[in-house]
C-alpha cells in the first residue's frame, strides 16, 4: 500500500491516542499507509488537542514545520501564529476535526455528510473505522455511581447505546476493517438483567440489523487469541502491560474484518518483560509538590517535608528493619514545573526510546505539579517510603498508623483501602484513569523526596504518548484527556496487525 492509501475514520477520538498510534505505522520502505480523514470528538479541550496534533502530523516532515511547532511548544509562538505560518495545513487539520467539537448522536448530519464525502472521494481503496464509545455507562466505577442515583435505569441511559452510532458509521463507510475499544466492564454490563456484550457482538457482525441499511457482514476477531471462534468473551481483553505499555490497562478491543475478506488477522506479540514506572519516568525533571491550603513557598515546603521525613522514619521502624537506608531529606529548591530538556533516558527500554523521543521537543511539556494539603504530604511521604521499603507494595488503609488516618468515616471499612496509592518504581502502573484529575491520591510518585502526585506529562508517559504531544486546555482537562485515551504505543501495534491484513 502507498502512503495515505487507507482512509481512517476516527470516532469518539478523545485527544487522539488510537489515531496517533495507527497513523504512525509504516512499511519497511517508510510508507505510512494510514491517513486520518476525520476525527470526531465532542469535548472542547480534547478537540483542541486533537486539532493541534492533526496539524503537527501535516507539518512534521519538513524542517521548517518541526522548528515552528517547537517554537509553539516553547512559548515563542501562539497557536494562532503557528497556524498562520501554514494556512493550508492548518485548514486541513481543522477540516479533519470538523472545525469544532461534534458529538455522535447530536451532530450526525454534519458528521455523516463529511464521512460520505470522504468515502466517495476515496473510491475502492481500503477504509478503516476506529474508536470506542464513551465508557462511563459500562465501567465498574460508572455503574457504581449509577447505582446510587435514584430511579436510575440502564435501559434509559443513552450512553449504553452509543455503540449504535458506531454501527451507523459502519453502514455509511462500509470499511474493510474496524477497531472498537471499550472498558473491561462492558463484558459484565447488563440491561434489563441481560448481558449487553453478546448483543453488541451480534450487531457488529451484522450492522444492518440496527441501521436498516444494506451493510456487509463482519467477522470479529480477538487480537490476543488466534481464532475467529472466540469462546470466552475475556479473550477480547488486551492487557496492555504485556505489550510494552508501562501500565496495567485492561481493555476490550474488537477487530472487525469485512466478511468477504479471506485473509485472517494476526495477533499482538507479547514482550518478555514488562516495562516499569521508573523506566519511563526517571529521566523527567524532579519537581516538588505545592501547598493547596496555605501560602506556597519553597522554604516552607522544605521545612514541612523534612519534618515529615523524620516522622515517617519513626513510624516505619515498627514495620521495617531497613529504615536507615531511607533518604527522605527534600531536594533543595525544587520547582513545581520544569520545562528544561530531559536527560538521555538511560533506564528506558530501547523499544520506547525512539517512540517517546522522536522529534523530541527542546522542553518538557505539561510537567507541573498540583498543590496538596499539608496533612496529605505526610501521607504521600509515608506511602512512597513504605512502597520503597516493601519492594513495591503500596500500603493499604490498614497499613497506615492511626496518626495518619484521614478524617474519612469509611477509612477502615475496606471500601477505600487504596485511597493513597504509590505507583511503585519497579512495577508497571495501575490503570491511569480520568479520576487522576480529582486529587492524585491514587497516583503518588514513587520518590518520597518529591512528595507529590504525578504530573500530566508523567501520566502521559505511562499512557505512551510521545514527548512532543501537546495537551491543550487547563491542567484538570489535560488529566482527563490522558486518562480517557488509548495508549498510542498499543494502538501502533494494532495498526501493524491491520496493515499486514490489508497487505495480503
Protein backbone atom coordinates (compact mmCIF):
# COMPACT_ATOMS: atom_id res chain seq x y z
CA UNK A 1 0.00 0.00 0.00
CA UNK A 2 1.10 3.53 -0.76
CA UNK A 3 1.34 6.38 1.73
CA UNK A 4 -2.12 7.57 2.72
CA UNK A 5 -3.89 4.81 0.81
CA UNK A 6 -6.01 3.67 3.76
CA UNK A 7 -8.70 6.13 4.89
CA UNK A 8 -9.09 6.20 8.69
CA UNK A 9 -12.35 7.37 10.27
CA UNK A 10 -11.75 8.09 13.95
CA UNK A 11 -14.84 8.17 16.20
CA UNK A 12 -15.08 9.20 19.88
CA UNK A 13 -11.46 10.25 19.36
CA UNK A 14 -10.63 11.90 22.72
CA UNK A 15 -7.19 13.53 22.49
CA UNK A 16 -6.25 11.11 19.68
CA UNK A 17 -4.43 8.14 21.21
CA UNK A 18 -5.85 5.49 18.91
CA UNK A 19 -5.43 7.66 15.81
CA UNK A 20 -1.88 8.63 16.82
CA UNK A 21 -0.80 5.02 17.08
CA UNK A 22 -2.40 3.80 13.87
CA UNK A 23 -1.31 6.78 11.78
CA UNK A 24 2.30 6.23 12.91
CA UNK A 25 2.51 2.76 11.35
CA UNK A 26 4.97 2.50 8.47
CA UNK A 27 6.06 -0.11 5.96
CA UNK A 28 9.71 -1.13 5.86
CA UNK A 29 10.17 1.30 2.95
CA UNK A 30 8.91 4.22 5.06
CA UNK A 31 5.44 4.48 3.53
CA UNK A 32 2.75 5.39 6.06
CA UNK A 33 -0.42 3.73 4.70
CA UNK A 34 -2.96 5.13 7.17
CA UNK A 35 -4.36 8.63 6.64
CA UNK A 36 -6.87 10.04 9.12
CA UNK A 37 -9.69 11.65 7.17
CA UNK A 38 -11.91 12.65 10.08
CA UNK A 39 -11.63 12.64 13.89
CA UNK A 40 -14.85 13.18 15.83
CA UNK A 41 -14.70 14.49 19.40
CA UNK A 42 -17.23 16.46 21.45
CA UNK A 43 -15.19 17.68 24.45
CA UNK A 44 -13.69 21.12 23.62
CA UNK A 45 -10.24 20.76 25.21
CA UNK A 46 -9.74 17.26 23.76
CA UNK A 47 -10.88 18.57 20.39
CA UNK A 48 -8.29 21.34 20.58
CA UNK A 49 -5.56 18.80 21.42
CA UNK A 50 -6.76 16.63 18.54
CA UNK A 51 -6.54 19.54 16.10
CA UNK A 52 -3.07 20.56 17.29
CA UNK A 53 -1.84 17.02 16.75
CA UNK A 54 -3.50 16.76 13.34
CA UNK A 55 -1.64 19.94 12.37
CA UNK A 56 1.65 18.54 13.65
CA UNK A 57 1.29 15.38 11.56
CA UNK A 58 0.84 17.54 8.47
CA UNK A 59 3.98 19.67 9.01
CA UNK A 60 6.35 17.24 10.77
CA UNK A 61 8.14 16.11 7.60
CA UNK A 62 9.73 19.49 6.93
CA UNK A 63 12.46 21.18 8.96
CA UNK A 64 10.52 24.47 8.93
CA UNK A 65 7.39 22.67 10.15
CA UNK A 66 9.17 20.94 13.05
CA UNK A 67 11.04 24.06 14.13
CA UNK A 68 7.88 26.17 14.03
CA UNK A 69 5.95 23.56 16.04
CA UNK A 70 8.77 23.51 18.61
CA UNK A 71 8.63 27.30 18.79
CA UNK A 72 4.97 26.94 19.76
CA UNK A 73 5.83 24.33 22.40
CA UNK A 74 8.49 26.68 23.80
CA UNK A 75 6.03 29.56 24.02
CA UNK A 76 7.76 31.56 21.29
CA UNK A 77 4.67 31.43 19.07
CA UNK A 78 0.99 31.35 19.92
CA UNK A 79 -1.13 28.59 18.44
CA UNK A 80 -2.79 31.15 16.17
CA UNK A 81 0.59 32.43 14.94
CA UNK A 82 1.72 28.87 14.28
CA UNK A 83 -1.36 28.11 12.21
CA UNK A 84 -0.92 31.38 10.27
CA UNK A 85 2.55 30.24 9.15
CA UNK A 86 0.99 27.20 7.43
CA UNK A 87 -2.52 28.27 6.42
CA UNK A 88 -3.17 25.34 4.09
CA UNK A 89 -2.01 22.74 6.63
CA UNK A 90 -3.97 24.47 9.37
CA UNK A 91 -7.11 24.39 7.22
CA UNK A 92 -6.61 20.67 6.54
CA UNK A 93 -6.13 19.94 10.25
CA UNK A 94 -9.26 21.86 11.21
CA UNK A 95 -11.26 20.17 8.48
CA UNK A 96 -10.03 16.80 9.79
CA UNK A 97 -11.55 17.60 13.21
CA UNK A 98 -14.68 19.22 11.73
CA UNK A 99 -13.59 22.75 12.79
CA UNK A 100 -15.37 22.42 16.14
CA UNK A 101 -16.40 19.80 18.70
CA UNK A 102 -19.04 17.38 17.40
CA UNK A 103 -20.97 14.62 19.18
CA UNK A 104 -22.19 11.47 17.51
CA UNK A 105 -25.91 11.24 18.11
CA UNK A 106 -26.33 15.02 18.34
CA UNK A 107 -24.48 16.25 15.26
CA UNK A 108 -24.98 13.31 12.92
CA UNK A 109 -25.94 15.36 9.88
CA UNK A 110 -22.56 17.12 9.72
CA UNK A 111 -20.59 14.02 10.73
CA UNK A 112 -22.31 11.60 8.36
CA UNK A 113 -22.16 14.06 5.47
CA UNK A 114 -18.41 14.51 5.87
CA UNK A 115 -17.84 10.75 6.15
CA UNK A 116 -19.89 10.18 3.00
CA UNK A 117 -17.81 12.79 1.14
CA UNK A 118 -14.55 11.17 2.25
CA UNK A 119 -15.69 7.65 1.38
CA UNK A 120 -16.92 8.73 -2.06
CA UNK A 121 -13.66 10.52 -2.84
CA UNK A 122 -11.60 7.57 -1.59
CA UNK A 123 -13.21 5.14 -4.01
CA UNK A 124 -12.33 1.45 -3.81
CA UNK A 125 -9.19 1.87 -1.72
CA UNK A 126 -9.16 0.40 1.83
CA UNK A 127 -11.03 2.07 4.67
CA UNK A 128 -10.79 1.59 8.45
CA UNK A 129 -13.10 2.80 11.22
CA UNK A 130 -11.61 3.14 14.71
CA UNK A 131 -12.80 4.32 18.11
CA UNK A 132 -14.68 3.34 21.22
CA UNK A 133 -17.96 4.75 22.56
CA UNK A 134 -17.56 6.55 25.92
CA UNK A 135 -17.27 4.02 28.72
CA UNK A 136 -18.92 5.69 31.73
CA UNK A 137 -22.05 3.55 31.48
CA UNK A 138 -20.08 0.29 31.16
CA UNK A 139 -17.21 0.86 33.59
CA UNK A 140 -17.40 -0.66 37.05
CA UNK A 141 -16.91 2.79 38.61
CA UNK A 142 -19.62 4.27 36.43
CA UNK A 143 -22.06 1.52 37.31
CA UNK A 144 -21.28 2.01 40.99
CA UNK A 145 -22.10 5.72 40.66
CA UNK A 146 -25.28 4.96 38.72
CA UNK A 147 -26.41 2.55 41.44
CA UNK A 148 -26.50 5.50 43.82
CA UNK A 149 -28.76 7.55 41.54
CA UNK A 150 -32.41 7.36 42.49
CA UNK A 151 -34.60 5.76 39.81
CA UNK A 152 -31.59 5.17 37.52
CA UNK A 153 -32.44 2.77 34.69
CA UNK A 154 -29.69 1.46 32.44
CA UNK A 155 -32.11 0.97 29.56
CA UNK A 156 -32.80 4.72 29.58
CA UNK A 157 -29.14 5.79 29.72
CA UNK A 158 -28.25 6.80 26.15
CA UNK A 159 -24.58 6.15 26.85
CA UNK A 160 -25.32 2.41 26.89
CA UNK A 161 -26.36 2.65 23.26
CA UNK A 162 -23.72 4.94 21.75
CA UNK A 163 -22.25 1.87 20.07
CA UNK A 164 -25.26 2.11 17.73
CA UNK A 165 -23.81 5.40 16.46
CA UNK A 166 -20.71 3.37 15.61
CA UNK A 167 -22.92 0.94 13.68
CA UNK A 168 -24.42 3.80 11.66
CA UNK A 169 -20.94 4.88 10.58
CA UNK A 170 -20.11 1.30 9.61
CA UNK A 171 -23.17 1.34 7.35
CA UNK A 172 -22.09 4.61 5.72
CA UNK A 173 -18.40 3.83 5.34
CA UNK A 174 -18.61 0.03 4.91
CA UNK A 175 -14.94 -0.25 5.86
CA UNK A 176 -12.65 -3.20 5.22
CA UNK A 177 -11.73 -3.26 8.93
CA UNK A 178 -12.92 -1.69 12.16
CA UNK A 179 -11.26 -1.43 15.58
CA UNK A 180 -13.59 -0.88 18.53
CA UNK A 181 -12.27 -0.30 22.05
CA UNK A 182 -14.03 -0.24 25.42
CA UNK A 183 -13.58 -0.86 29.12
CA UNK A 184 -13.46 -4.29 30.71
CA UNK A 185 -16.79 -3.61 32.37
CA UNK A 186 -18.59 -3.92 29.05
CA UNK A 187 -18.22 -7.71 29.37
CA UNK A 188 -20.37 -7.80 32.50
CA UNK A 189 -22.70 -4.82 31.94
CA UNK A 190 -26.41 -5.67 31.90
CA UNK A 191 -29.61 -4.04 30.71
CA UNK A 192 -32.92 -5.47 31.96
CA UNK A 193 -30.91 -8.26 33.55
CA UNK A 194 -29.38 -9.31 30.24
CA UNK A 195 -25.69 -9.07 29.36
CA UNK A 196 -25.18 -6.36 26.76
CA UNK A 197 -21.89 -7.61 25.25
CA UNK A 198 -23.32 -10.56 23.26
CA UNK A 199 -25.83 -8.16 21.69
CA UNK A 200 -23.07 -5.70 20.78
CA UNK A 201 -21.08 -8.51 19.15
CA UNK A 202 -24.11 -9.67 17.21
CA UNK A 203 -24.84 -6.14 15.98
CA UNK A 204 -21.22 -5.51 14.96
CA UNK A 205 -21.24 -8.71 12.93
CA UNK A 206 -24.39 -7.57 11.14
CA UNK A 207 -24.81 -3.76 11.42
CA UNK A 208 -27.84 -3.69 9.11
CA UNK A 209 -29.90 -5.35 11.88
CA UNK A 210 -29.88 -1.99 13.64
CA UNK A 211 -29.24 0.54 10.88
CA UNK A 212 -31.68 -0.99 8.34
CA UNK A 213 -29.13 -0.04 5.66
CA UNK A 214 -27.62 -2.68 3.41
CA UNK A 215 -24.22 -3.27 5.00
CA UNK A 216 -21.65 -6.07 4.66
CA UNK A 217 -21.35 -8.58 7.46
CA UNK A 218 -18.19 -8.63 9.59
CA UNK A 219 -16.14 -11.31 11.27
CA UNK A 220 -15.00 -10.19 14.72
CA UNK A 221 -11.54 -11.32 15.85
CA UNK A 222 -9.58 -11.16 19.08
CA UNK A 223 -6.15 -9.54 18.95
CA UNK A 224 -4.74 -11.95 21.51
CA UNK A 225 -6.38 -15.30 20.61
CA UNK A 226 -5.65 -16.66 17.15
CA UNK A 227 -9.14 -17.66 16.02
CA UNK A 228 -12.42 -16.10 14.90
CA UNK A 229 -14.43 -18.51 17.04
CA UNK A 230 -13.66 -16.98 20.41
CA UNK A 231 -15.44 -18.99 23.09
CA UNK A 232 -14.79 -16.76 26.08
CA UNK A 233 -15.61 -13.03 25.94
CA UNK A 234 -12.49 -12.33 28.03
CA UNK A 235 -10.44 -13.45 25.02
CA UNK A 236 -11.16 -9.98 23.62
CA UNK A 237 -9.40 -8.42 26.62
CA UNK A 238 -5.98 -6.89 25.98
CA UNK A 239 -3.65 -6.47 28.95
CA UNK A 240 -1.52 -3.53 27.89
CA UNK A 241 1.35 -4.33 30.26
CA UNK A 242 2.09 -7.44 28.18
CA UNK A 243 2.74 -5.33 25.09
CA UNK A 244 5.34 -2.81 26.20
CA UNK A 245 2.98 -0.31 27.86
CA UNK A 246 4.12 0.58 31.43
CA UNK A 247 0.57 0.32 32.74
CA UNK A 248 -1.87 -2.43 33.76
CA UNK A 249 -4.61 -1.17 31.48
CA UNK A 250 -7.09 -3.90 30.55
CA UNK A 251 -9.40 -3.06 27.69
CA UNK A 252 -11.76 -4.92 25.37
CA UNK A 253 -10.66 -4.38 21.77
CA UNK A 254 -12.55 -5.92 18.87
CA UNK A 255 -11.12 -6.28 15.38
CA UNK A 256 -13.83 -6.48 12.72
CA UNK A 257 -12.97 -7.72 9.22
CA UNK A 258 -15.45 -7.49 6.35
CA UNK A 259 -16.82 -10.97 5.66
CA UNK A 260 -15.70 -11.05 2.00
CA UNK A 261 -12.04 -10.62 3.03
CA UNK A 262 -10.49 -14.08 3.25
CA UNK A 263 -7.26 -13.06 5.00
CA UNK A 264 -7.11 -13.78 8.72
CA UNK A 265 -5.51 -11.16 11.00
CA UNK A 266 -2.57 -11.98 13.22
CA UNK A 267 -2.39 -11.33 16.95
CA UNK A 268 -0.28 -8.99 19.04
CA UNK A 269 3.15 -10.21 20.09
CA UNK A 270 3.77 -10.22 23.83
CA UNK A 271 7.03 -8.83 25.19
CA UNK A 272 9.09 -10.99 27.51
CA UNK A 273 9.42 -8.33 30.20
CA UNK A 274 7.04 -5.67 31.45
CA UNK A 275 8.06 -2.00 31.42
CA UNK A 276 8.18 -0.31 34.83
CA UNK A 277 7.16 3.11 36.08
CA UNK A 278 10.72 4.10 36.93
CA UNK A 279 11.99 3.12 33.48
CA UNK A 280 9.74 5.68 31.79
CA UNK A 281 9.67 8.44 34.42
CA UNK A 282 13.16 8.61 35.91
CA UNK A 283 14.62 10.93 33.25
CA UNK A 284 11.97 13.63 33.72
CA UNK A 285 12.95 16.69 35.79
CA UNK A 286 12.36 16.31 39.54
CA UNK A 287 9.66 18.54 40.96
CA UNK A 288 8.22 19.41 44.33
CA UNK A 289 4.56 19.47 45.21
CA UNK A 290 2.88 22.61 46.48
CA UNK A 291 0.59 23.64 49.32
CA UNK A 292 -3.08 23.92 48.45
CA UNK A 293 -4.45 25.44 51.66
CA UNK A 294 -1.68 27.85 52.65
CA UNK A 295 0.96 30.14 51.22
CA UNK A 296 3.23 28.19 48.89
CA UNK A 297 6.94 28.89 49.32
CA UNK A 298 9.92 26.64 48.59
CA UNK A 299 11.49 27.10 52.02
CA UNK A 300 8.25 26.36 53.85
CA UNK A 301 7.75 23.24 51.72
CA UNK A 302 11.28 22.02 52.51
CA UNK A 303 10.70 22.53 56.23
CA UNK A 304 7.39 20.63 56.12
CA UNK A 305 8.82 17.74 54.08
CA UNK A 306 11.91 17.48 56.33
CA UNK A 307 9.70 17.30 59.40
CA UNK A 308 7.52 14.70 57.70
CA UNK A 309 10.60 12.64 56.82
CA UNK A 310 11.62 12.36 60.45
CA UNK A 311 8.10 11.29 61.45
CA UNK A 312 7.80 8.78 58.61
CA UNK A 313 11.06 7.06 59.59
CA UNK A 314 9.83 6.70 63.17
CA UNK A 315 6.51 5.25 62.00
CA UNK A 316 8.10 2.80 59.57
CA UNK A 317 10.63 1.46 62.12
CA UNK A 318 7.80 -0.63 63.59
CA UNK A 319 7.23 -2.36 60.23
CA UNK A 320 10.61 -2.47 58.50
CA UNK A 321 14.17 -3.16 59.62
CA UNK A 322 15.86 -1.23 56.82
CA UNK A 323 14.51 2.26 57.51
CA UNK A 324 18.06 3.56 57.99
CA UNK A 325 18.51 3.15 54.22
CA UNK A 326 15.83 5.75 53.56
CA UNK A 327 16.89 9.20 52.42
CA UNK A 328 13.90 11.47 52.98
CA UNK A 329 15.68 14.81 53.01
CA UNK A 330 13.99 17.00 50.38
CA UNK A 331 15.85 18.16 47.31
CA UNK A 332 16.90 21.80 47.61
CA UNK A 333 14.93 24.48 45.76
CA UNK A 334 12.88 22.23 43.52
CA UNK A 335 10.44 23.92 41.16
CA UNK A 336 6.79 22.99 40.78
CA UNK A 337 7.12 23.00 36.99
CA UNK A 338 10.08 22.39 34.76
CA UNK A 339 10.48 22.76 31.01
CA UNK A 340 14.20 22.01 30.66
CA UNK A 341 15.04 19.21 28.21
CA UNK A 342 15.15 15.71 29.67
CA UNK A 343 18.45 13.91 30.04
CA UNK A 344 19.05 10.84 27.92
CA UNK A 345 16.66 8.17 29.25
CA UNK A 346 19.23 5.61 30.37
CA UNK A 347 16.72 3.35 32.14
CA UNK A 348 14.12 3.38 29.37
CA UNK A 349 13.74 0.17 27.32
CA UNK A 350 15.09 0.52 23.80
CA UNK A 351 11.69 -0.16 22.22
CA UNK A 352 10.31 3.01 23.80
CA UNK A 353 13.19 5.50 23.50
CA UNK A 354 12.55 6.27 19.84
CA UNK A 355 8.80 6.17 20.41
CA UNK A 356 8.83 8.84 23.13
CA UNK A 357 11.72 10.90 21.81
CA UNK A 358 11.15 11.05 18.03
CA UNK A 359 11.25 14.73 17.00
CA UNK A 360 11.70 15.43 20.70
CA UNK A 361 10.88 18.95 21.87
CA UNK A 362 13.53 21.14 23.46
CA UNK A 363 11.35 21.46 26.56
CA UNK A 364 9.23 19.21 28.78
CA UNK A 365 5.52 19.73 28.15
CA UNK A 366 2.65 19.58 30.66
CA UNK A 367 5.02 18.89 33.58
CA UNK A 368 3.61 20.86 36.51
CA UNK A 369 2.62 19.67 39.96
CA UNK A 370 -0.53 20.49 41.83
CA UNK A 371 -0.85 21.64 45.41
CA UNK A 372 -1.73 19.28 48.27
CA UNK A 373 -2.93 19.73 51.82
CA UNK A 374 -0.01 19.60 54.25
CA UNK A 375 -1.53 16.58 56.02
CA UNK A 376 -1.67 14.73 52.70
CA UNK A 377 2.01 15.46 52.06
CA UNK A 378 2.78 13.40 55.15
CA UNK A 379 0.59 10.54 53.89
CA UNK A 380 2.25 10.74 50.46
CA UNK A 381 5.70 10.54 52.05
CA UNK A 382 4.63 7.57 54.17
CA UNK A 383 3.05 5.75 51.21
CA UNK A 384 6.04 6.31 48.90
CA UNK A 385 8.57 5.32 51.58
CA UNK A 386 6.54 2.23 52.57
CA UNK A 387 6.33 1.17 48.91
CA UNK A 388 10.08 1.58 48.51
CA UNK A 389 10.97 -0.40 51.66
CA UNK A 390 8.48 -3.17 50.88
CA UNK A 391 9.93 -3.78 47.44
CA UNK A 392 6.99 -2.37 45.54
CA UNK A 393 3.85 -2.93 47.63
CA UNK A 394 1.81 0.19 48.24
CA UNK A 395 0.26 0.36 51.72
CA UNK A 396 -3.44 -0.29 52.25
CA UNK A 397 -5.52 1.67 54.73
CA UNK A 398 -4.81 -0.99 57.39
CA UNK A 399 -1.05 -0.34 57.00
CA UNK A 400 -1.33 3.35 57.85
CA UNK A 401 -0.83 4.22 61.52
CA UNK A 402 -3.79 5.83 63.24
CA UNK A 403 -1.87 9.11 63.40
CA UNK A 404 -2.08 9.35 59.60
CA UNK A 405 -5.69 8.28 59.18
CA UNK A 406 -7.68 10.89 57.23
CA UNK A 407 -10.98 12.21 58.53
CA UNK A 408 -12.98 9.74 56.46
CA UNK A 409 -15.71 7.59 58.00
CA UNK A 410 -15.06 4.68 55.61
CA UNK A 411 -11.27 4.69 56.03
CA UNK A 412 -11.17 1.40 57.94
CA UNK A 413 -14.15 -0.21 56.21
CA UNK A 414 -12.16 -1.57 53.29
CA UNK A 415 -14.12 0.48 50.79
CA UNK A 416 -11.23 2.94 50.46
CA UNK A 417 -8.31 0.62 51.17
CA UNK A 418 -6.36 2.06 48.23
CA UNK A 419 -7.18 5.71 48.81
CA UNK A 420 -3.47 6.58 48.98
CA UNK A 421 -1.59 4.52 46.41
CA UNK A 422 2.00 4.89 45.29
CA UNK A 423 2.86 3.84 41.74
CA UNK A 424 5.76 1.51 42.53
CA UNK A 425 9.03 2.22 40.72
CA UNK A 426 9.72 -1.44 39.93
CA UNK A 427 6.31 -2.34 38.50
CA UNK A 428 4.01 -1.16 35.75
CA UNK A 429 1.47 1.38 36.97
CA UNK A 430 -2.15 0.76 37.74
CA UNK A 431 -4.69 1.98 35.18
CA UNK A 432 -4.41 5.70 34.50
CA UNK A 433 -8.00 6.95 34.68
CA UNK A 434 -9.65 10.34 34.37
CA UNK A 435 -10.01 10.35 38.17
CA UNK A 436 -6.37 11.44 38.29
CA UNK A 437 -7.80 14.91 37.62
CA UNK A 438 -9.55 14.93 41.02
CA UNK A 439 -6.97 14.63 43.79
CA UNK A 440 -3.99 12.49 42.77
CA UNK A 441 -4.12 10.30 45.90
CA UNK A 442 -4.16 7.13 43.80
CA UNK A 443 -1.22 8.27 41.68
CA UNK A 444 1.57 9.11 44.13
CA UNK A 445 5.07 9.42 42.68
CA UNK A 446 7.42 6.66 43.82
CA UNK A 447 10.10 9.14 45.01
CA UNK A 448 9.26 10.20 48.60
CA UNK A 449 11.72 13.10 48.34
CA UNK A 450 9.45 14.75 45.76
CA UNK A 451 6.34 14.03 47.84
CA UNK A 452 3.65 14.55 45.22
CA UNK A 453 1.21 13.05 42.76
CA UNK A 454 2.03 12.51 39.09
CA UNK A 455 2.07 15.36 36.59
CA UNK A 456 0.16 15.31 33.31
CA UNK A 457 3.40 14.51 31.44
CA UNK A 458 4.16 11.59 33.74
CA UNK A 459 0.65 10.23 33.27
CA UNK A 460 1.12 10.73 29.52
CA UNK A 461 4.38 8.74 29.65
CA UNK A 462 2.53 5.87 31.37
CA UNK A 463 -0.03 6.10 28.56
CA UNK A 464 2.86 6.13 25.98
CA UNK A 465 2.13 9.50 24.41
CA UNK A 466 5.21 10.87 22.62
CA UNK A 467 7.02 13.68 24.44
CA UNK A 468 6.06 16.23 21.77
CA UNK A 469 2.33 15.51 22.20
CA UNK A 470 0.87 18.77 23.45
CA UNK A 471 -2.25 18.55 25.63
CA UNK A 472 -4.38 21.67 25.36
CA UNK A 473 -6.74 23.11 27.96
CA UNK A 474 -6.21 23.63 31.68
CA UNK A 475 -4.44 21.08 33.86
CA UNK A 476 -7.62 19.35 35.01
CA UNK A 477 -8.77 18.97 31.40
CA UNK A 478 -5.35 17.64 30.42
CA UNK A 479 -5.51 14.94 33.12
CA UNK A 480 -8.97 13.88 31.93
CA UNK A 481 -7.78 13.65 28.32
CA UNK A 482 -4.81 11.47 29.25
CA UNK A 483 -6.90 9.21 31.48
CA UNK A 484 -9.54 8.60 28.81
CA UNK A 485 -7.13 7.80 25.97
CA UNK A 486 -6.00 4.59 24.30
CA UNK A 487 -2.21 4.10 24.74
CA UNK A 488 -0.75 5.15 21.36
CA UNK A 489 2.07 2.59 21.51
CA UNK A 490 -0.50 -0.21 21.87
CA UNK A 491 -2.54 1.37 19.06
CA UNK A 492 0.50 1.30 16.79
CA UNK A 493 0.84 -2.45 17.34
CA UNK A 494 -2.84 -2.90 16.47
CA UNK A 495 -2.27 -0.78 13.38
CA UNK A 496 0.54 -3.10 12.28
CA UNK A 497 -1.83 -6.09 12.53
CA UNK A 498 -4.35 -4.22 10.36
CA UNK A 499 -1.67 -3.20 7.84
CA UNK A 500 -0.44 -6.76 7.44
CA UNK A 501 -4.04 -7.96 6.99
CA UNK A 502 -4.72 -5.39 4.25
CA UNK A 503 -1.40 -6.12 2.56
CA UNK A 504 -2.39 -9.76 1.89
